[in-house]
Amino acid sequence: MRILLIEDQPELATSVAKRIRQAGYAIDTFGTIRDADAALDEQSYAIAVLDRRLPDGDGLSLVARIRGKHPGSRILMLTALDAIDSRIEGLDAGADDYLIKPFAIEELMARIRASLRRPGGELAPPVEVGALSFDLETRTACVGGEPVVLLRRELALLDALIRRVDCIVSREALVSAIYGLDEDIDEHALTKLASRLRARLAELNAGVLVHAARGLGYMITDASPKRTK
């Protein structure tokens, strides 16, 4: 899952991006409307975290562009403008949520999780494959009812695969979900990551298989043999 952050304060942008990566999301960070708009032509984002006061204008001008290019994206505004009228203006323009600076990063993370839930607040049920259960809302994994710890990118890969159980997920889609645009990615990085995740799930007796579809991508399936009638 990929997040777009548009924030021109380097220290704040670095802190927020670091925390979002720790949560297992891929993130692209830009400091101007122009650069963010160009990225929107190349990538889709589950959520855009958007500052208002940017060097080349009001970030509010990006809301309509995000809505036009990626209607399903959620938009969270960040701003030092705390006047009621400013908040109303942002929400009326199409933002889903509004957070006033200064803010606690953990509150931002909670709002991101809330924004990624289904419309209307309906929670998606955990996906169960073999002995593995994955909560799509909290992005936590359990095996046999016991929570397990995965490395950040292992978690991101599992998230991307388990949302399409028994279906091949393309390498391009997986790379987009796991890595940021500014990351220097080794050509074998995804292969190595899939191998680590496969080994980790086997170690946990998760009862799932991570298959490689040569030249296409990867797929996760139940390891139990199919019963025939």
Protein backbone atom coordinates (compact mmCIF):
# COMPACT_ATOMS: atom_id res chain seq x y z
CA MET A 1 0.00 0.00 0.00
CA ARG A 2 1.43 3.36 -1.08
CA ILE A 3 1.07 6.77 0.60
CA LEU A 4 1.83 10.21 -0.85
CA LEU A 5 3.19 12.89 1.50
CA ILE A 6 3.36 16.51 0.31
CA GLU A 7 5.20 18.52 2.97
CA ASP A 8 7.87 21.19 2.44
CA GLN A 9 9.36 21.21 5.97
CA PRO A 10 12.27 18.74 5.63
CA GLU A 11 12.49 17.78 9.31
CA LEU A 12 8.76 17.13 9.62
CA ALA A 13 8.62 15.30 6.29
CA THR A 14 11.51 13.05 7.33
CA SER A 15 9.92 12.22 10.71
CA VAL A 16 6.51 11.47 9.22
CA ALA A 17 7.93 9.42 6.36
CA LYS A 18 10.07 7.39 8.78
CA ARG A 19 7.06 6.55 10.97
CA ILE A 20 4.90 5.63 7.98
CA ARG A 21 7.62 3.30 6.68
CA GLN A 22 7.90 1.73 10.13
CA ALA A 23 4.19 0.92 9.87
CA GLY A 24 4.93 -1.04 6.71
CA TYR A 25 3.65 1.37 4.06
CA ALA A 26 5.55 2.54 0.99
CA ILE A 27 5.72 6.33 0.85
CA ASP A 28 6.72 8.98 -1.68
CA THR A 29 7.56 12.44 -0.31
CA PHE A 30 7.48 15.73 -2.23
CA GLY A 31 7.78 19.36 -1.17
CA THR A 32 5.95 21.11 -3.99
CA ILE A 33 2.63 20.95 -5.80
CA ARG A 34 4.40 20.56 -9.14
CA ASP A 35 6.43 17.50 -8.08
CA ALA A 36 3.44 15.87 -6.38
CA ASP A 37 1.25 16.46 -9.43
CA ALA A 38 3.86 14.79 -11.65
CA ALA A 39 3.96 11.78 -9.31
CA LEU A 40 0.18 11.44 -9.54
CA ASP A 41 0.58 10.84 -13.27
CA GLU A 42 2.87 7.88 -12.56
CA GLN A 43 1.50 6.27 -9.40
CA SER A 44 -1.75 5.61 -7.58
CA TYR A 45 -1.94 6.19 -3.84
CA ALA A 46 -4.23 4.82 -1.16
CA ILE A 47 -3.96 8.07 0.75
CA ALA A 48 -2.44 11.51 0.21
CA VAL A 49 -1.21 13.46 3.24
CA LEU A 50 -1.20 17.04 2.02
CA ASP A 51 0.16 20.24 3.54
CA ARG A 52 -1.61 23.48 2.57
CA ARG A 53 1.18 26.06 2.70
CA LEU A 54 3.62 24.96 0.00
CA PRO A 55 6.32 26.97 -1.82
CA ASP A 56 4.38 27.02 -5.10
CA GLY A 57 0.88 27.60 -3.76
CA ASP A 58 -1.97 26.31 -1.61
CA GLY A 59 -1.96 22.53 -1.36
CA LEU A 60 -5.73 22.69 -1.50
CA SER A 61 -5.37 23.09 -5.28
CA LEU A 62 -4.15 19.49 -5.45
CA VAL A 63 -7.34 18.04 -3.99
CA ALA A 64 -9.31 18.30 -7.24
CA ARG A 65 -6.39 16.85 -9.21
CA ILE A 66 -6.09 13.88 -6.84
CA ARG A 67 -9.83 13.29 -7.02
CA GLY A 68 -9.76 13.49 -10.82
CA LYS A 69 -6.78 11.19 -11.32
CA HIS A 70 -7.41 8.72 -8.47
CA PRO A 71 -11.03 8.89 -7.26
CA GLY A 72 -10.49 6.19 -4.66
CA SER A 73 -7.64 7.96 -2.86
CA ARG A 74 -8.24 9.33 0.62
CA ILE A 75 -6.98 12.85 1.39
CA LEU A 76 -5.72 14.04 4.78
CA MET A 77 -4.88 17.74 5.03
CA LEU A 78 -2.03 18.97 7.26
CA THR A 79 -1.96 22.66 8.05
CA ALA A 80 -1.06 25.38 10.51
CA LEU A 81 -4.27 27.16 9.47
CA ASP A 82 -6.46 26.43 12.48
CA ALA A 83 -9.35 28.78 11.74
CA ILE A 84 -12.72 27.07 11.45
CA ASP A 85 -13.27 28.60 8.01
CA SER A 86 -9.99 27.12 6.75
CA ARG A 87 -10.93 23.65 7.96
CA ILE A 88 -14.38 23.90 6.40
CA GLU A 89 -12.80 25.08 3.16
CA GLY A 90 -10.52 22.03 3.06
CA LEU A 91 -13.27 19.55 3.80
CA ASP A 92 -15.65 21.17 1.33
CA ALA A 93 -12.94 20.99 -1.33
CA GLY A 94 -12.93 17.21 -0.99
CA ALA A 95 -10.51 16.34 1.81
CA ASP A 96 -11.52 13.40 4.01
CA ASP A 97 -9.83 14.61 7.18
CA TYR A 98 -7.95 17.59 8.60
CA LEU A 99 -5.09 17.70 11.13
CA ILE A 100 -3.77 20.94 12.65
CA LYS A 101 -0.04 21.53 13.16
CA PRO A 102 1.65 20.89 15.47
CA PHE A 103 0.38 17.34 15.82
CA ALA A 104 1.45 14.06 17.40
CA ILE A 105 2.71 11.61 14.78
CA GLU A 106 0.80 8.76 16.44
CA GLU A 107 -2.43 10.72 15.98
CA LEU A 108 -1.55 11.11 12.31
CA MET A 109 -1.03 7.34 12.07
CA ALA A 110 -4.40 6.72 13.72
CA ARG A 111 -6.07 9.05 11.22
CA ILE A 112 -4.32 7.30 8.33
CA ARG A 113 -5.60 3.94 9.55
CA ALA A 114 -9.10 5.38 9.92
CA SER A 115 -8.98 6.90 6.42
CA LEU A 116 -8.01 3.56 4.91
CA ARG A 117 -11.02 1.78 6.34
CA ARG A 118 -14.03 1.07 4.19
CA PRO A 119 -16.46 3.94 3.55
CA GLY A 120 -18.95 4.21 6.36
CA GLY A 121 -16.56 2.74 8.90
CA GLU A 122 -17.35 -0.88 8.08
CA LEU A 123 -14.41 -3.08 9.03
CA ALA A 124 -13.16 -5.69 6.61
CA PRO A 125 -12.98 -9.17 8.18
CA PRO A 126 -9.52 -10.74 8.58
CA VAL A 127 -8.32 -12.82 5.64
CA GLU A 128 -7.64 -16.42 6.67
CA VAL A 129 -5.39 -18.73 4.67
CA GLY A 130 -4.11 -21.95 6.20
CA ALA A 131 -3.26 -21.16 9.83
CA LEU A 132 -2.54 -17.53 8.92
CA SER A 133 -4.97 -14.72 9.71
CA PHE A 134 -4.31 -11.19 8.46
CA ASP A 135 -6.24 -8.15 9.67
CA LEU A 136 -6.50 -5.75 6.74
CA GLU A 137 -7.35 -2.81 8.98
CA THR A 138 -4.53 -3.04 11.51
CA ARG A 139 -2.17 -4.91 9.16
CA THR A 140 -1.35 -7.47 11.82
CA ALA A 141 -0.74 -11.17 11.25
CA CYS A 142 -1.53 -14.12 13.50
CA VAL A 143 -0.74 -17.81 13.18
CA GLY A 144 -2.96 -20.15 15.13
CA GLY A 145 -4.39 -17.14 16.94
CA GLU A 146 -0.98 -15.92 18.11
CA PRO A 147 0.39 -12.60 16.81
CA VAL A 148 3.61 -12.80 14.84
CA VAL A 149 6.27 -10.22 14.10
CA LEU A 150 7.43 -9.59 10.54
CA LEU A 151 9.98 -7.15 9.22
CA ARG A 152 8.55 -4.01 7.64
CA ARG A 153 8.94 -5.07 4.01
CA GLU A 154 7.92 -8.65 4.74
CA LEU A 155 4.71 -7.22 6.17
CA ALA A 156 4.19 -4.99 3.13
CA LEU A 157 4.66 -7.94 0.76
CA LEU A 158 2.30 -10.13 2.77
CA ASP A 159 -0.29 -7.34 2.79
CA ALA A 160 -0.10 -6.97 -0.99
CA LEU A 161 -0.34 -10.71 -1.61
CA ILE A 162 -3.03 -11.64 0.89
CA ARG A 163 -5.45 -9.08 -0.49
CA ARG A 164 -5.55 -11.26 -3.63
CA VAL A 165 -5.32 -14.81 -2.31
CA ASP A 166 -4.94 -17.45 -5.07
CA CYS A 167 -4.25 -14.72 -7.64
CA ILE A 168 -0.94 -13.69 -9.17
CA VAL A 169 0.07 -10.17 -8.17
CA SER A 170 2.39 -8.62 -10.75
CA ARG A 171 5.95 -7.72 -9.88
CA GLU A 172 5.21 -4.12 -10.85
CA ALA A 173 2.27 -3.91 -8.44
CA LEU A 174 4.32 -5.46 -5.63
CA VAL A 175 7.29 -3.14 -6.14
CA SER A 176 4.91 -0.17 -6.18
CA ALA A 177 3.28 -1.31 -2.92
CA ILE A 178 6.55 -1.99 -1.09
CA TYR A 179 9.16 0.53 -2.22
CA GLY A 180 9.20 4.32 -2.48
CA LEU A 181 10.05 6.14 -5.72
CA ASP A 182 13.25 7.54 -4.18
CA GLU A 183 14.57 4.14 -3.07
CA ASP A 184 17.47 2.53 -4.93
CA ILE A 185 16.10 -0.96 -5.56
CA ASP A 186 18.30 -3.87 -6.54
CA GLU A 187 16.84 -5.80 -9.48
CA HIS A 188 16.69 -8.93 -7.32
CA ALA A 189 15.28 -7.15 -4.25
CA LEU A 190 11.73 -8.49 -4.66
CA THR A 191 12.97 -12.03 -5.28
CA LYS A 192 15.07 -11.92 -2.11
CA LEU A 193 12.20 -10.42 -0.11
CA ALA A 194 9.76 -13.10 -1.30
CA SER A 195 12.29 -15.77 -0.34
CA ARG A 196 12.62 -14.32 3.17
CA LEU A 197 8.85 -14.09 3.62
CA ARG A 198 8.42 -17.66 2.37
CA ALA A 199 11.02 -18.91 4.86
CA ARG A 200 9.52 -16.91 7.71
CA LEU A 201 6.00 -18.23 7.08
CA ALA A 202 7.33 -21.78 6.88
CA GLU A 203 9.17 -21.27 10.18
CA LEU A 204 5.90 -20.12 11.75
CA ASN A 205 3.99 -23.14 10.35
CA ALA A 206 1.55 -20.69 8.78
CA GLY A 207 0.20 -23.30 6.37
CA VAL A 208 0.60 -21.09 3.30
CA LEU A 209 2.76 -21.12 0.19
CA VAL A 210 4.25 -18.14 -1.62
CA HIS A 211 4.54 -19.12 -5.28
CA ALA A 212 6.71 -17.42 -7.89
CA ALA A 213 5.13 -17.09 -11.33
CA ARG A 214 8.17 -16.72 -13.56
CA GLY A 215 8.22 -13.36 -15.30
CA LEU A 216 4.85 -12.38 -13.83
CA GLY A 217 4.85 -12.01 -10.06
CA TYR A 218 3.89 -13.89 -6.90
CA MET A 219 0.85 -15.53 -5.37
CA ILE A 220 -0.08 -16.76 -1.89
CA THR A 221 -2.17 -19.90 -1.41
CA ASP A 222 -3.27 -22.38 1.24
CA ALA A 223 -0.63 -25.09 1.64
CA SER A 224 -3.22 -27.75 2.53
CA PRO A 225 -4.01 -30.23 -0.26
CA LYS A 226 -7.37 -29.62 -1.90
CA ARG A 227 -9.98 -32.18 -1.05
CA THR A 228 -11.88 -33.76 -3.88
CA LYS A 229 -15.33 -35.23 -3.56
